[in-house]
């Protein structure tokens, strides 16, 4: 375990010396790599909606305040409206 931690420490210190190439999002900048944005959209479409997105969509369908509170309680209980 200590050998692994030492390797990680050496990697972090060497990447810090070389400009944090591996520790920043500079490589995935849309300005530097214009093809990244369409690829991200494609991957997001394949992946489907996240739990947060599903919950937001479910809450957005509420008809009134009572329905909204009911839906919030369902989500808190772990029930996503039967979906």
PDB file of N, CA and C in Angstrom:
ATOM      1  N   UNK A   1       0.826  -1.190   0.000  1.00  0.00           N
ATOM      2  CA  UNK A   1       0.000   0.000   0.000  1.00  0.00           C
ATOM      3  C   UNK A   1       0.868   1.251   0.000  1.00  0.00           C
ATOM      4  N   UNK A   2       1.952   1.219   0.777  1.00  0.00           N
ATOM      5  CA  UNK A   2       2.812   2.388   0.850  1.00  0.00           C
ATOM      6  C   UNK A   2       3.513   2.644  -0.481  1.00  0.00           C
ATOM      7  N   UNK A   3       3.824   1.574  -1.212  1.00  0.00           N
ATOM      8  CA  UNK A   3       4.467   1.741  -2.512  1.00  0.00           C
ATOM      9  C   UNK A   3       3.519   2.434  -3.479  1.00  0.00           C
ATOM     10  N   UNK A   4       2.236   2.099  -3.416  1.00  0.00           N
ATOM     11  CA  UNK A   4       1.256   2.731  -4.286  1.00  0.00           C
ATOM     12  C   UNK A   4       1.121   4.210  -3.953  1.00  0.00           C
ATOM     13  N   UNK A   5       1.081   4.529  -2.666  1.00  0.00           N
ATOM     14  CA  UNK A   5       0.988   5.928  -2.262  1.00  0.00           C
ATOM     15  C   UNK A   5       2.229   6.702  -2.701  1.00  0.00           C
ATOM     16  N   UNK A   6       3.392   6.076  -2.648  1.00  0.00           N
ATOM     17  CA  UNK A   6       4.622   6.731  -3.085  1.00  0.00           C
ATOM     18  C   UNK A   6       4.575   7.003  -4.584  1.00  0.00           C
ATOM     19  N   UNK A   7       4.056   6.041  -5.349  1.00  0.00           N
ATOM     20  CA  UNK A   7       3.947   6.236  -6.800  1.00  0.00           C
ATOM     21  C   UNK A   7       2.992   7.374  -7.131  1.00  0.00           C
ATOM     22  N   UNK A   8       1.879   7.428  -6.399  1.00  0.00           N
ATOM     23  CA  UNK A   8       0.913   8.500  -6.624  1.00  0.00           C
ATOM     24  C   UNK A   8       1.531   9.843  -6.269  1.00  0.00           C
ATOM     25  N   UNK A   9       2.258   9.889  -5.168  1.00  0.00           N
ATOM     26  CA  UNK A   9       2.927  11.133  -4.770  1.00  0.00           C
ATOM     27  C   UNK A   9       3.939  11.581  -5.798  1.00  0.00           C
ATOM     28  N   UNK A  10       4.715  10.645  -6.358  1.00  0.00           N
ATOM     29  CA  UNK A  10       5.684  10.994  -7.384  1.00  0.00           C
ATOM     30  C   UNK A  10       4.973  11.484  -8.645  1.00  0.00           C
ATOM     31  N   UNK A  11       3.861  10.851  -9.007  1.00  0.00           N
ATOM     32  CA  UNK A  11       3.115  11.275 -10.186  1.00  0.00           C
ATOM     33  C   UNK A  11       2.592  12.688 -10.009  1.00  0.00           C
ATOM     34  N   UNK A  12       2.031  12.962  -8.829  1.00  0.00           N
ATOM     35  CA  UNK A  12       1.491  14.305  -8.585  1.00  0.00           C
ATOM     36  C   UNK A  12       2.586  15.350  -8.597  1.00  0.00           C
ATOM     37  N   UNK A  13       3.729  15.054  -7.991  1.00  0.00           N
ATOM     38  CA  UNK A  13       4.799  16.044  -7.964  1.00  0.00           C
ATOM     39  C   UNK A  13       5.392  16.242  -9.353  1.00  0.00           C
ATOM     40  N   UNK A  14       5.516  15.176 -10.149  1.00  0.00           N
ATOM     41  CA  UNK A  14       6.075  15.332 -11.488  1.00  0.00           C
ATOM     42  C   UNK A  14       5.093  16.054 -12.403  1.00  0.00           C
ATOM     43  N   UNK A  15       3.780  15.814 -12.236  1.00  0.00           N
ATOM     44  CA  UNK A  15       2.820  16.509 -13.082  1.00  0.00           C
ATOM     45  C   UNK A  15       2.726  17.978 -12.683  1.00  0.00           C
ATOM     46  N   UNK A  16       2.968  18.281 -11.387  1.00  0.00           N
ATOM     47  CA  UNK A  16       2.958  19.674 -10.958  1.00  0.00           C
ATOM     48  C   UNK A  16       4.131  20.412 -11.572  1.00  0.00           C
ATOM     49  N   UNK A  17       5.270  19.739 -11.691  1.00  0.00           N
ATOM     50  CA  UNK A  17       6.441  20.358 -12.292  1.00  0.00           C
ATOM     51  C   UNK A  17       6.214  20.631 -13.772  1.00  0.00           C
ATOM     52  N   UNK A  18       5.468  19.758 -14.424  1.00  0.00           N
ATOM     53  CA  UNK A  18       5.251  19.890 -15.859  1.00  0.00           C
ATOM     54  C   UNK A  18       3.988  20.663 -16.195  1.00  0.00           C
ATOM     55  N   UNK A  19       3.510  21.486 -15.313  1.00  0.00           N
ATOM     56  CA  UNK A  19       2.413  22.373 -15.623  1.00  0.00           C
ATOM     57  C   UNK A  19       1.029  21.805 -15.365  1.00  0.00           C
ATOM     58  N   UNK A  20       0.894  20.827 -14.483  1.00  0.00           N
ATOM     59  CA  UNK A  20      -0.408  20.261 -14.124  1.00  0.00           C
ATOM     60  C   UNK A  20      -1.199  19.788 -15.334  1.00  0.00           C
ATOM     61  N   UNK A  21      -0.525  19.225 -16.280  1.00  0.00           N
ATOM     62  CA  UNK A  21      -1.196  18.778 -17.498  1.00  0.00           C
ATOM     63  C   UNK A  21      -2.290  17.772 -17.178  1.00  0.00           C
ATOM     64  N   UNK A  22      -2.050  16.867 -16.251  1.00  0.00           N
ATOM     65  CA  UNK A  22      -3.009  15.815 -15.948  1.00  0.00           C
ATOM     66  C   UNK A  22      -4.020  16.219 -14.876  1.00  0.00           C
ATOM     67  N   UNK A  23      -3.785  17.322 -14.195  1.00  0.00           N
ATOM     68  CA  UNK A  23      -4.648  17.693 -13.093  1.00  0.00           C
ATOM     69  C   UNK A  23      -5.624  18.810 -13.447  1.00  0.00           C
ATOM     70  N   UNK A  24      -5.599  19.301 -14.667  1.00  0.00           N
ATOM     71  CA  UNK A  24      -6.500  20.373 -15.060  1.00  0.00           C
ATOM     72  C   UNK A  24      -7.370  19.909 -16.211  1.00  0.00           C
ATOM     73  N   UNK A  25      -8.391  20.687 -16.507  1.00  0.00           N
ATOM     74  CA  UNK A  25      -9.265  20.392 -17.631  1.00  0.00           C
ATOM     75  C   UNK A  25      -8.804  21.118 -18.886  1.00  0.00           C
ATOM     76  N   UNK A  26      -7.568  21.544 -18.909  1.00  0.00           N
ATOM     77  CA  UNK A  26      -7.058  22.296 -20.042  1.00  0.00           C
ATOM     78  C   UNK A  26      -7.080  21.464 -21.325  1.00  0.00           C
ATOM     79  N   UNK A  27      -6.881  20.156 -21.201  1.00  0.00           N
ATOM     80  CA  UNK A  27      -6.874  19.301 -22.386  1.00  0.00           C
ATOM     81  C   UNK A  27      -8.260  19.129 -22.982  1.00  0.00           C
ATOM     82  N   UNK A  28      -9.301  19.329 -22.203  1.00  0.00           N
ATOM     83  CA  UNK A  28     -10.650  19.137 -22.706  1.00  0.00           C
ATOM     84  C   UNK A  28     -11.354  20.455 -22.991  1.00  0.00           C
ATOM     85  N   UNK A  29     -10.601  21.509 -23.136  1.00  0.00           N
ATOM     86  CA  UNK A  29     -11.184  22.810 -23.418  1.00  0.00           C
ATOM     87  C   UNK A  29     -11.807  22.808 -24.806  1.00  0.00           C
ATOM     88  N   UNK A  30     -13.019  23.335 -24.916  1.00  0.00           N
ATOM     89  CA  UNK A  30     -13.716  23.366 -26.195  1.00  0.00           C
ATOM     90  C   UNK A  30     -13.027  24.307 -27.179  1.00  0.00           C
ATOM     91  N   UNK A  31     -12.320  25.294 -26.676  1.00  0.00           N
ATOM     92  CA  UNK A  31     -11.622  26.224 -27.558  1.00  0.00           C
ATOM     93  C   UNK A  31     -10.448  25.545 -28.249  1.00  0.00           C
ATOM     94  N   UNK A  32      -9.742  24.704 -27.513  1.00  0.00           N
ATOM     95  CA  UNK A  32      -8.569  24.044 -28.077  1.00  0.00           C
ATOM     96  C   UNK A  32      -8.953  22.824 -28.913  1.00  0.00           C
ATOM     97  N   UNK A  33     -10.035  22.162 -28.543  1.00  0.00           N
ATOM     98  CA  UNK A  33     -10.465  20.952 -29.234  1.00  0.00           C
ATOM     99  C   UNK A  33     -11.945  21.084 -29.589  1.00  0.00           C
ATOM    100  N   UNK A  34     -12.266  21.643 -30.748  1.00  0.00           N
ATOM    101  CA  UNK A  34     -13.670  21.897 -31.089  1.00  0.00           C
ATOM    102  C   UNK A  34     -14.511  20.632 -31.278  1.00  0.00           C
ATOM    103  N   UNK A  35     -13.899  19.472 -31.483  1.00  0.00           N
ATOM    104  CA  UNK A  35     -14.659  18.240 -31.672  1.00  0.00           C
ATOM    105  C   UNK A  35     -15.155  17.648 -30.353  1.00  0.00           C
ATOM    106  N   UNK A  36     -14.682  18.163 -29.232  1.00  0.00           N
ATOM    107  CA  UNK A  36     -15.057  17.619 -27.926  1.00  0.00           C
ATOM    108  C   UNK A  36     -16.546  17.846 -27.653  1.00  0.00           C
ATOM    109  N   UNK A  37     -17.065  19.015 -27.991  1.00  0.00           N
ATOM    110  CA  UNK A  37     -18.449  19.343 -27.660  1.00  0.00           C
ATOM    111  C   UNK A  37     -19.449  18.391 -28.327  1.00  0.00           C
ATOM    112  N   UNK A  38     -19.363  18.124 -29.633  1.00  0.00           N
ATOM    113  CA  UNK A  38     -20.302  17.156 -30.234  1.00  0.00           C
ATOM    114  C   UNK A  38     -20.144  15.744 -29.671  1.00  0.00           C
ATOM    115  N   UNK A  39     -18.925  15.365 -29.332  1.00  0.00           N
ATOM    116  CA  UNK A  39     -18.701  14.037 -28.761  1.00  0.00           C
ATOM    117  C   UNK A  39     -19.345  13.950 -27.383  1.00  0.00           C
ATOM    118  N   UNK A  40     -19.218  14.999 -26.590  1.00  0.00           N
ATOM    119  CA  UNK A  40     -19.854  15.022 -25.273  1.00  0.00           C
ATOM    120  C   UNK A  40     -21.368  14.924 -25.393  1.00  0.00           C
ATOM    121  N   UNK A  41     -21.949  15.650 -26.363  1.00  0.00           N
ATOM    122  CA  UNK A  41     -23.391  15.570 -26.578  1.00  0.00           C
ATOM    123  C   UNK A  41     -23.810  14.150 -26.938  1.00  0.00           C
ATOM    124  N   UNK A  42     -23.043  13.505 -27.811  1.00  0.00           N
ATOM    125  CA  UNK A  42     -23.347  12.149 -28.248  1.00  0.00           C
ATOM    126  C   UNK A  42     -23.284  11.177 -27.075  1.00  0.00           C
ATOM    127  N   UNK A  43     -22.246  11.284 -26.268  1.00  0.00           N
ATOM    128  CA  UNK A  43     -22.091  10.394 -25.115  1.00  0.00           C
ATOM    129  C   UNK A  43     -23.208  10.639 -24.110  1.00  0.00           C
ATOM    130  N   UNK A  44     -23.574  11.893 -23.908  1.00  0.00           N
ATOM    131  CA  UNK A  44     -24.652  12.210 -22.969  1.00  0.00           C
ATOM    132  C   UNK A  44     -25.980  11.631 -23.461  1.00  0.00           C
ATOM    133  N   UNK A  45     -26.216  11.665 -24.777  1.00  0.00           N
ATOM    134  CA  UNK A  45     -27.446  11.095 -25.330  1.00  0.00           C
ATOM    135  C   UNK A  45     -27.481   9.582 -25.142  1.00  0.00           C
ATOM    136  N   UNK A  46     -26.351   8.927 -25.268  1.00  0.00           N
ATOM    137  CA  UNK A  46     -26.289   7.480 -25.079  1.00  0.00           C
ATOM    138  C   UNK A  46     -26.452   7.081 -23.620  1.00  0.00           C
ATOM    139  N   UNK A  47     -25.910   7.900 -22.744  1.00  0.00           N
ATOM    140  CA  UNK A  47     -25.901   7.580 -21.324  1.00  0.00           C
ATOM    141  C   UNK A  47     -27.294   7.628 -20.717  1.00  0.00           C
ATOM    142  N   UNK A  48     -28.132   8.499 -21.198  1.00  0.00           N
ATOM    143  CA  UNK A  48     -29.454   8.647 -20.606  1.00  0.00           C
ATOM    144  C   UNK A  48     -29.452   9.731 -19.548  1.00  0.00           C
ATOM    145  N   UNK A  49     -30.599   9.904 -18.926  1.00  0.00           N
ATOM    146  CA  UNK A  49     -30.724  10.958 -17.925  1.00  0.00           C
ATOM    147  C   UNK A  49     -30.203  10.492 -16.577  1.00  0.00           C
ATOM    148  N   UNK A  50     -29.606  11.424 -15.855  1.00  0.00           N
ATOM    149  CA  UNK A  50     -29.119  11.107 -14.513  1.00  0.00           C
ATOM    150  C   UNK A  50     -30.295  11.107 -13.533  1.00  0.00           C
ATOM    151  N   UNK A  51     -30.040  10.643 -12.344  1.00  0.00           N
ATOM    152  CA  UNK A  51     -31.087  10.606 -11.313  1.00  0.00           C
ATOM    153  C   UNK A  51     -31.590  12.013 -11.010  1.00  0.00           C
ATOM    154  N   UNK A  52     -30.679  12.989 -10.938  1.00  0.00           N
ATOM    155  CA  UNK A  52     -31.072  14.367 -10.670  1.00  0.00           C
ATOM    156  C   UNK A  52     -31.974  14.906 -11.783  1.00  0.00           C
ATOM    157  N   UNK A  53     -31.632  14.603 -13.025  1.00  0.00           N
ATOM    158  CA  UNK A  53     -32.451  15.058 -14.145  1.00  0.00           C
ATOM    159  C   UNK A  53     -33.837  14.412 -14.118  1.00  0.00           C
ATOM    160  N   UNK A  54     -33.895  13.129 -13.765  1.00  0.00           N
ATOM    161  CA  UNK A  54     -35.186  12.444 -13.664  1.00  0.00           C
ATOM    162  C   UNK A  54     -36.035  13.049 -12.548  1.00  0.00           C
ATOM    163  N   UNK A  55     -35.404  13.312 -11.402  1.00  0.00           N
ATOM    164  CA  UNK A  55     -36.130  13.904 -10.288  1.00  0.00           C
ATOM    165  C   UNK A  55     -36.639  15.293 -10.647  1.00  0.00           C
ATOM    166  N   UNK A  56     -35.811  16.089 -11.316  1.00  0.00           N
ATOM    167  CA  UNK A  56     -36.225  17.437 -11.701  1.00  0.00           C
ATOM    168  C   UNK A  56     -37.401  17.380 -12.670  1.00  0.00           C
ATOM    169  N   UNK A  57     -37.333  16.484 -13.649  1.00  0.00           N
ATOM    170  CA  UNK A  57     -38.432  16.342 -14.603  1.00  0.00           C
ATOM    171  C   UNK A  57     -39.711  15.905 -13.892  1.00  0.00           C
ATOM    172  N   UNK A  58     -39.594  14.987 -12.945  1.00  0.00           N
ATOM    173  CA  UNK A  58     -40.740  14.501 -12.177  1.00  0.00           C
ATOM    174  C   UNK A  58     -41.356  15.637 -11.361  1.00  0.00           C
ATOM    175  N   UNK A  59     -40.518  16.436 -10.712  1.00  0.00           N
ATOM    176  CA  UNK A  59     -41.029  17.558  -9.924  1.00  0.00           C
ATOM    177  C   UNK A  59     -41.637  18.640 -10.813  1.00  0.00           C
ATOM    178  N   UNK A  60     -41.104  18.811 -12.004  1.00  0.00           N
ATOM    179  CA  UNK A  60     -41.609  19.830 -12.921  1.00  0.00           C
ATOM    180  C   UNK A  60     -43.006  19.504 -13.431  1.00  0.00           C
ATOM    181  N   UNK A  61     -43.420  18.254 -13.359  1.00  0.00           N
ATOM    182  CA  UNK A  61     -44.738  17.848 -13.828  1.00  0.00           C
ATOM    183  C   UNK A  61     -45.833  18.089 -12.794  1.00  0.00           C
ATOM    184  N   UNK A  62     -45.470  18.605 -11.628  1.00  0.00           N
ATOM    185  CA  UNK A  62     -46.463  18.832 -10.575  1.00  0.00           C
ATOM    186  C   UNK A  62     -47.480  19.875 -11.028  1.00  0.00           C
ATOM    187  N   UNK A  63     -48.756  19.615 -10.682  1.00  0.00           N
ATOM    188  CA  UNK A  63     -49.839  20.501 -11.108  1.00  0.00           C
ATOM    189  C   UNK A  63     -50.072  21.647 -10.131  1.00  0.00           C
ATOM    190  N   UNK A  64     -49.804  21.416  -8.870  1.00  0.00           N
ATOM    191  CA  UNK A  64     -49.995  22.453  -7.868  1.00  0.00           C
ATOM    192  C   UNK A  64     -49.048  22.205  -6.693  1.00  0.00           C
ATOM    193  N   UNK A  65     -49.145  23.032  -5.685  1.00  0.00           N
ATOM    194  CA  UNK A  65     -48.232  22.940  -4.540  1.00  0.00           C
ATOM    195  C   UNK A  65     -48.401  21.629  -3.782  1.00  0.00           C
ATOM    196  N   UNK A  66     -49.617  21.172  -3.645  1.00  0.00           N
ATOM    197  CA  UNK A  66     -49.865  19.916  -2.927  1.00  0.00           C
ATOM    198  C   UNK A  66     -49.236  18.750  -3.677  1.00  0.00           C
ATOM    199  N   UNK A  67     -49.413  18.744  -4.997  1.00  0.00           N
ATOM    200  CA  UNK A  67     -48.818  17.687  -5.824  1.00  0.00           C
ATOM    201  C   UNK A  67     -47.291  17.751  -5.758  1.00  0.00           C
ATOM    202  N   UNK A  68     -46.741  18.955  -5.755  1.00  0.00           N
ATOM    203  CA  UNK A  68     -45.292  19.118  -5.660  1.00  0.00           C
ATOM    204  C   UNK A  68     -44.760  18.554  -4.345  1.00  0.00           C
ATOM    205  N   UNK A  69     -45.434  18.878  -3.243  1.00  0.00           N
ATOM    206  CA  UNK A  69     -45.006  18.366  -1.945  1.00  0.00           C
ATOM    207  C   UNK A  69     -45.113  16.842  -1.893  1.00  0.00           C
ATOM    208  N   UNK A  70     -46.167  16.294  -2.480  1.00  0.00           N
ATOM    209  CA  UNK A  70     -46.331  14.845  -2.533  1.00  0.00           C
ATOM    210  C   UNK A  70     -45.176  14.206  -3.298  1.00  0.00           C
ATOM    211  N   UNK A  71     -44.825  14.792  -4.432  1.00  0.00           N
ATOM    212  CA  UNK A  71     -43.733  14.259  -5.243  1.00  0.00           C
ATOM    213  C   UNK A  71     -42.391  14.362  -4.510  1.00  0.00           C
ATOM    214  N   UNK A  72     -42.187  15.452  -3.774  1.00  0.00           N
ATOM    215  CA  UNK A  72     -40.959  15.601  -2.999  1.00  0.00           C
ATOM    216  C   UNK A  72     -40.859  14.513  -1.929  1.00  0.00           C
ATOM    217  N   UNK A  73     -41.976  14.220  -1.276  1.00  0.00           N
ATOM    218  CA  UNK A  73     -41.973  13.148  -0.272  1.00  0.00           C
ATOM    219  C   UNK A  73     -41.685  11.796  -0.914  1.00  0.00           C
ATOM    220  N   UNK A  74     -42.232  11.556  -2.099  1.00  0.00           N
ATOM    221  CA  UNK A  74     -41.979  10.304  -2.803  1.00  0.00           C
ATOM    222  C   UNK A  74     -40.489  10.156  -3.123  1.00  0.00           C
ATOM    223  N   UNK A  75     -39.876  11.230  -3.566  1.00  0.00           N
ATOM    224  CA  UNK A  75     -38.438  11.191  -3.888  1.00  0.00           C
ATOM    225  C   UNK A  75     -37.636  10.965  -2.612  1.00  0.00           C
ATOM    226  N   UNK A  76     -38.017  11.635  -1.532  1.00  0.00           N
ATOM    227  CA  UNK A  76     -37.304  11.451  -0.253  1.00  0.00           C
ATOM    228  C   UNK A  76     -37.396  10.011   0.247  1.00  0.00           C
ATOM    229  N   UNK A  77     -38.490   9.347  -0.053  1.00  0.00           N
ATOM    230  CA  UNK A  77     -38.663   7.946   0.337  1.00  0.00           C
ATOM    231  C   UNK A  77     -37.960   6.976  -0.603  1.00  0.00           C
ATOM    232  N   UNK A  78     -37.473   7.506  -1.712  1.00  0.00           N
ATOM    233  CA  UNK A  78     -36.780   6.649  -2.675  1.00  0.00           C
ATOM    234  C   UNK A  78     -37.672   6.135  -3.778  1.00  0.00           C
ATOM    235  N   UNK A  79     -38.874   6.647  -3.869  1.00  0.00           N
ATOM    236  CA  UNK A  79     -39.813   6.244  -4.904  1.00  0.00           C
ATOM    237  C   UNK A  79     -39.880   7.356  -5.945  1.00  0.00           C
ATOM    238  N   UNK A  80     -39.511   7.060  -7.142  1.00  0.00           N
ATOM    239  CA  UNK A  80     -39.493   8.103  -8.172  1.00  0.00           C
ATOM    240  C   UNK A  80     -40.767   8.049  -9.002  1.00  0.00           C
ATOM    241  N   UNK A  81     -41.898   8.131  -8.362  1.00  0.00           N
ATOM    242  CA  UNK A  81     -43.163   8.203  -9.067  1.00  0.00           C
ATOM    243  C   UNK A  81     -43.462   7.009  -9.936  1.00  0.00           C
ATOM    244  N   UNK A  82     -42.981   5.834  -9.569  1.00  0.00           N
ATOM    245  CA  UNK A  82     -43.261   4.640 -10.335  1.00  0.00           C
ATOM    246  C   UNK A  82     -42.464   4.534 -11.614  1.00  0.00           C
ATOM    247  N   UNK A  83     -41.416   5.313 -11.735  1.00  0.00           N
ATOM    248  CA  UNK A  83     -40.615   5.290 -12.959  1.00  0.00           C
ATOM    249  C   UNK A  83     -39.388   4.471 -12.772  1.00  0.00           C
TER     250      UNK A  83
END
